[in-house]
Amino acid sequence: MKTALTIAGSDSSGGAGIQADIKTMIANGVYAMSAITALTAQNTTGVSDIMEVTPDFLKGQLDSVFTDIYPDAVKIGMVSSSSLIIAIAEKLKEYKAKNIVVDPVMVATSGSKLICNDAIETLKKSLFPLATVLTPNIPEAEVLAEIQIKNEEDMKNAARMIGDTYHCAVLCKGGHKINDANDLLYVEGNYHWFKGKRIDNSNTHGTGCTLSSAIASNLAKGYDLEISVERAKAYISGALAAMLNLGKGSGPMDHGFDIHSEFAKEAKAS
């Protein structure tokens, strides 16, 4: 079985972060492992508290994973401080990690800020150059490219600026009123659009975590980047289309929509 590692924050409500990543990886057929960067107290309405791990403890988690079950792919999500970003970059280089998907998480779906300003610069300097692909949404791409994105041409410019600056592929995710959920992949001067149909579901908590984890899972299984993105988009569309409705705010998706085993069945009514 292929393996994937998620390095991210824990979401106590289970819709995003480590929990969403693990669910996604299992659903996409790989063995999931994790290194937790922070604990969050959050639910579908927002984040009320964050408690970071220490850089040394994060390094210890990464040592434990890489020296025993080497991951075929790595997904990196919420990392809120410079010291943790530096620790991750150090260990990824030490262990020659491959298939690195970086989701530059800056703001939660609920609008809560998840990263310090100085950490954004450290992210750019230390982590982005190690990435196979970055997966920013529109607001994140605006911060990274330092331009406003109002249409698809702006998406192309932003993706090119980010990709050429950090020498990695960039998947600029649509939505956010730019287009009908079309995503743009930029790789070394080439553009590839992935068309998507917007699903009328307001429960989108953890969509970014889920997409990046699905891409990492498919890279781990040996698919190339374009096919990995294509399969990941199909998976997230299915998870949204399942119309799970939990919580009082922007709820989670049904990560297990495609799991139909004997053990996943609901209990029979007595």
Protein backbone atom coordinates (compact mmCIF):
# COMPACT_ATOMS: atom_id res chain seq x y z
CA MET A 1 0.00 0.00 0.00
CA LYS A 2 1.24 3.48 -0.86
CA THR A 3 1.61 5.98 1.97
CA ALA A 4 1.02 9.70 2.50
CA LEU A 5 1.90 12.07 5.31
CA THR A 6 -0.08 15.15 6.30
CA ILE A 7 1.65 17.94 8.22
CA ALA A 8 -1.07 20.27 9.45
CA GLY A 9 -3.21 21.47 12.32
CA SER A 10 -5.88 19.46 14.09
CA ASP A 11 -9.53 20.47 13.63
CA SER A 12 -11.58 19.45 16.66
CA SER A 13 -14.78 19.44 14.58
CA GLY A 14 -13.26 17.00 12.08
CA GLY A 15 -14.07 18.84 8.85
CA ALA A 16 -10.69 20.30 7.99
CA GLY A 17 -7.02 19.94 8.90
CA ILE A 18 -5.48 16.65 9.97
CA GLN A 19 -8.85 14.95 10.33
CA ALA A 20 -10.02 15.85 6.81
CA ASP A 21 -6.63 14.89 5.41
CA ILE A 22 -6.67 11.43 6.98
CA LYS A 23 -10.25 10.77 5.87
CA THR A 24 -9.38 11.88 2.34
CA MET A 25 -6.24 9.78 2.14
CA ILE A 26 -8.05 6.65 3.31
CA ALA A 27 -10.86 7.29 0.81
CA ASN A 28 -8.26 7.69 -1.94
CA GLY A 29 -6.58 4.38 -1.22
CA VAL A 30 -3.37 5.26 0.62
CA TYR A 31 -2.15 4.70 4.16
CA ALA A 32 -2.36 8.01 6.06
CA MET A 33 0.13 9.34 8.61
CA SER A 34 0.26 12.70 10.38
CA ALA A 35 2.50 15.23 12.07
CA ILE A 36 0.47 17.81 13.96
CA THR A 37 1.60 21.45 13.88
CA ALA A 38 -1.09 22.82 16.19
CA LEU A 39 -4.25 21.97 18.07
CA THR A 40 -7.24 24.15 17.28
CA ALA A 41 -10.50 24.62 19.13
CA GLN A 42 -12.86 25.10 16.22
CA ASN A 43 -16.17 24.12 14.72
CA THR A 44 -18.19 25.07 11.65
CA THR A 45 -18.66 28.64 12.93
CA GLY A 46 -15.04 29.54 13.56
CA VAL A 47 -11.74 29.04 15.36
CA SER A 48 -11.74 30.01 19.05
CA ASP A 49 -8.22 28.99 20.07
CA ILE A 50 -4.92 27.66 18.69
CA MET A 51 -2.13 25.90 20.59
CA GLU A 52 1.03 25.24 18.62
CA VAL A 53 3.40 22.35 19.19
CA THR A 54 7.08 23.17 19.71
CA PRO A 55 9.50 22.95 16.77
CA ASP A 56 11.39 20.14 18.52
CA PHE A 57 8.22 18.11 19.01
CA LEU A 58 7.27 18.60 15.38
CA LYS A 59 10.73 17.43 14.33
CA GLY A 60 10.28 14.40 16.56
CA GLN A 61 7.03 13.49 14.85
CA LEU A 62 8.65 13.82 11.44
CA ASP A 63 11.66 11.74 12.48
CA SER A 64 9.33 9.01 13.74
CA VAL A 65 7.45 8.85 10.45
CA PHE A 66 10.31 9.13 7.97
CA THR A 67 12.59 6.63 9.74
CA ASP A 68 9.92 3.92 9.86
CA ILE A 69 7.19 4.24 7.21
CA TYR A 70 8.61 6.49 4.52
CA PRO A 71 5.81 8.53 2.87
CA ASP A 72 5.29 8.36 -0.88
CA ALA A 73 3.83 11.86 -0.75
CA VAL A 74 3.60 14.73 1.74
CA LYS A 75 0.80 17.25 2.13
CA ILE A 76 1.47 20.41 4.16
CA GLY A 77 -1.41 22.48 5.44
CA MET A 78 -1.76 24.89 8.33
CA VAL A 79 1.59 26.02 9.77
CA SER A 80 1.13 29.24 11.71
CA SER A 81 4.66 30.30 12.73
CA SER A 82 8.10 30.69 11.20
CA SER A 83 9.87 28.33 13.61
CA LEU A 84 7.58 25.45 12.65
CA ILE A 85 7.96 26.14 8.93
CA ILE A 86 11.74 26.10 9.27
CA ALA A 87 11.56 22.81 11.20
CA ILE A 88 9.46 21.22 8.43
CA ALA A 89 11.74 22.44 5.66
CA GLU A 90 14.79 21.11 7.52
CA LYS A 91 13.31 17.63 7.88
CA LEU A 92 11.94 17.44 4.33
CA LYS A 93 15.41 18.19 3.00
CA GLU A 94 17.08 15.80 5.44
CA TYR A 95 14.87 12.89 4.38
CA LYS A 96 14.69 13.89 0.69
CA ALA A 97 10.90 13.93 0.75
CA LYS A 98 9.11 13.64 -2.59
CA ASN A 99 5.71 14.57 -4.04
CA ILE A 100 5.27 17.56 -1.73
CA VAL A 101 1.90 19.33 -1.95
CA VAL A 102 1.80 22.66 -0.11
CA ASP A 103 -1.60 24.18 0.65
CA PRO A 104 -0.70 27.72 1.82
CA VAL A 105 -3.46 27.95 4.41
CA MET A 106 -3.88 31.52 5.62
CA VAL A 107 -7.55 31.93 6.49
CA ALA A 108 -10.14 29.34 7.52
CA THR A 109 -13.42 28.95 5.63
CA SER A 110 -15.08 30.73 8.56
CA GLY A 111 -12.79 33.75 8.04
CA SER A 112 -10.47 33.14 11.01
CA LYS A 113 -6.80 34.04 10.36
CA LEU A 114 -4.52 31.02 10.73
CA ILE A 115 -1.00 32.33 10.11
CA CYS A 116 1.27 35.12 11.41
CA ASN A 117 2.41 37.76 8.91
CA ASP A 118 6.11 36.95 9.33
CA ALA A 119 5.35 33.27 8.76
CA ILE A 120 4.10 34.03 5.25
CA GLU A 121 7.56 35.29 4.30
CA THR A 122 9.20 32.23 5.86
CA LEU A 123 6.76 30.02 3.96
CA LYS A 124 7.84 31.65 0.70
CA LYS A 125 11.54 31.41 1.45
CA SER A 126 11.83 27.98 3.11
CA LEU A 127 8.96 25.77 2.00
CA PHE A 128 7.73 26.85 -1.42
CA PRO A 129 11.00 25.99 -3.22
CA LEU A 130 10.65 22.40 -1.95
CA ALA A 131 7.10 21.98 -3.24
CA THR A 132 6.02 19.83 -6.14
CA VAL A 133 2.85 21.92 -6.34
CA LEU A 134 1.25 24.80 -4.43
CA THR A 135 -2.55 24.94 -4.15
CA PRO A 136 -3.58 28.52 -3.30
CA ASN A 137 -7.17 29.72 -3.53
CA ILE A 138 -7.89 33.17 -4.97
CA PRO A 139 -7.31 35.21 -1.76
CA GLU A 140 -4.09 33.29 -1.07
CA ALA A 141 -2.86 33.70 -4.65
CA GLU A 142 -3.49 37.46 -4.37
CA VAL A 143 -1.26 37.62 -1.30
CA LEU A 144 1.48 35.49 -2.86
CA ALA A 145 1.50 37.22 -6.27
CA GLU A 146 0.77 40.65 -4.79
CA ILE A 147 -1.88 41.40 -7.41
CA GLN A 148 -5.66 41.55 -7.46
CA ILE A 149 -7.41 38.67 -9.20
CA LYS A 150 -10.67 39.63 -10.85
CA ASN A 151 -10.86 37.28 -13.83
CA GLU A 152 -9.27 34.21 -15.43
CA GLU A 153 -6.51 36.23 -17.09
CA ASP A 154 -5.52 37.50 -13.65
CA MET A 155 -5.47 33.88 -12.45
CA LYS A 156 -3.02 33.02 -15.23
CA ASN A 157 -0.78 35.95 -14.36
CA ALA A 158 -0.81 35.12 -10.66
CA ALA A 159 -0.09 31.43 -11.22
CA ARG A 160 2.81 32.27 -13.55
CA MET A 161 4.29 34.81 -11.13
CA ILE A 162 4.11 32.37 -8.20
CA GLY A 163 5.37 29.38 -10.17
CA ASP A 164 8.27 31.22 -11.79
CA THR A 165 9.29 32.80 -8.49
CA TYR A 166 9.38 29.58 -6.48
CA HIS A 167 10.15 27.12 -9.31
CA CYS A 168 7.23 24.80 -8.66
CA ALA A 169 3.88 23.95 -10.17
CA VAL A 170 0.89 26.03 -9.03
CA LEU A 171 -2.76 25.01 -8.92
CA CYS A 172 -4.69 28.27 -8.62
CA LYS A 173 -8.14 27.29 -7.40
CA GLY A 174 -11.12 29.08 -8.93
CA GLY A 175 -14.39 29.85 -7.26
CA HIS A 176 -14.47 32.92 -4.99
CA LYS A 177 -16.66 34.62 -7.64
CA ILE A 178 -13.99 34.33 -10.36
CA ASN A 179 -15.46 31.45 -12.33
CA ASP A 180 -17.60 28.35 -12.01
CA ALA A 181 -15.09 26.36 -9.91
CA ASN A 182 -12.49 26.12 -12.68
CA ASP A 183 -8.92 25.55 -11.47
CA LEU A 184 -5.73 26.49 -13.32
CA LEU A 185 -2.56 24.40 -13.23
CA TYR A 186 0.65 26.18 -14.21
CA VAL A 187 3.78 24.09 -14.81
CA GLU A 188 6.96 25.56 -16.33
CA GLY A 189 5.25 27.92 -18.73
CA ASN A 190 2.31 25.64 -19.56
CA TYR A 191 -1.30 26.19 -18.48
CA HIS A 192 -3.99 23.57 -18.02
CA TRP A 193 -7.57 24.40 -17.04
CA PHE A 194 -9.64 21.93 -15.05
CA LYS A 195 -13.26 22.74 -15.63
CA GLY A 196 -15.64 22.21 -12.75
CA LYS A 197 -19.32 22.76 -12.15
CA ARG A 198 -20.19 24.74 -9.05
CA ILE A 199 -22.19 22.55 -6.67
CA ASP A 200 -24.91 24.40 -4.78
CA ASN A 201 -23.72 23.40 -1.33
CA SER A 202 -22.80 26.01 1.29
CA ASN A 203 -21.11 23.38 3.45
CA THR A 204 -17.53 23.80 2.25
CA HIS A 205 -15.52 23.52 5.47
CA GLY A 206 -12.20 21.88 4.64
CA THR A 207 -12.39 21.93 0.85
CA GLY A 208 -8.82 23.18 0.46
CA CYS A 209 -7.44 20.57 2.87
CA THR A 210 -9.39 17.86 1.12
CA LEU A 211 -8.31 18.77 -2.42
CA SER A 212 -4.61 19.01 -1.54
CA SER A 213 -4.72 15.71 0.35
CA ALA A 214 -6.44 14.00 -2.58
CA ILE A 215 -3.75 15.34 -4.94
CA ALA A 216 -1.03 14.04 -2.61
CA SER A 217 -2.75 10.64 -2.42
CA ASN A 218 -2.82 10.30 -6.18
CA LEU A 219 0.79 11.42 -6.55
CA ALA A 220 1.69 8.77 -3.96
CA LYS A 221 -0.02 6.15 -6.13
CA GLY A 222 2.11 7.12 -9.11
CA TYR A 223 -0.24 9.29 -11.15
CA ASP A 224 1.28 12.34 -12.82
CA LEU A 225 0.33 15.80 -11.60
CA GLU A 226 -2.41 16.51 -14.16
CA ILE A 227 -4.16 13.18 -13.56
CA SER A 228 -3.74 13.59 -9.80
CA VAL A 229 -5.48 16.97 -9.92
CA GLU A 230 -8.21 15.62 -12.19
CA ARG A 231 -8.93 12.70 -9.86
CA ALA A 232 -8.81 14.95 -6.80
CA LYS A 233 -11.35 17.34 -8.30
CA ALA A 234 -13.67 14.44 -9.11
CA TYR A 235 -13.38 13.19 -5.53
CA ILE A 236 -14.12 16.56 -3.95
CA SER A 237 -17.09 17.06 -6.28
CA GLY A 238 -18.51 13.76 -5.06
CA ALA A 239 -17.93 14.71 -1.43
CA LEU A 240 -19.76 18.02 -1.93
CA ALA A 241 -22.56 16.48 -3.99
CA ALA A 242 -23.33 14.06 -1.16
CA MET A 243 -24.91 17.08 0.60
CA LEU A 244 -23.89 16.28 4.16
CA ASN A 245 -25.43 18.90 6.45
CA LEU A 246 -23.88 19.16 9.91
CA GLY A 247 -23.21 22.10 12.22
CA LYS A 248 -24.49 25.64 12.54
CA GLY A 249 -22.02 27.26 10.13
CA SER A 250 -20.17 26.18 6.99
CA GLY A 251 -20.31 22.44 7.55
CA PRO A 252 -18.01 19.61 6.48
CA MET A 253 -18.20 17.46 3.36
CA ASP A 254 -18.91 13.74 3.30
CA HIS A 255 -15.37 12.41 2.85
CA GLY A 256 -16.64 8.85 2.96
CA PHE A 257 -19.31 9.22 0.27
CA ASP A 258 -17.72 6.46 -1.81
CA ILE A 259 -17.17 3.96 1.00
CA HIS A 260 -19.73 1.16 0.84
CA SER A 261 -18.23 -1.67 2.86
CA GLU A 262 -20.05 -3.93 5.30
CA PHE A 263 -18.43 -2.02 8.17
CA ALA A 264 -19.60 1.39 6.91
CA LYS A 265 -23.31 0.52 6.89
CA GLU A 266 -25.61 2.18 9.37
CA ALA A 267 -27.15 0.10 12.13
CA LYS A 268 -30.49 -1.48 11.33
CA ALA A 269 -33.47 -0.07 13.17
CA SER A 270 -34.44 -2.25 16.13
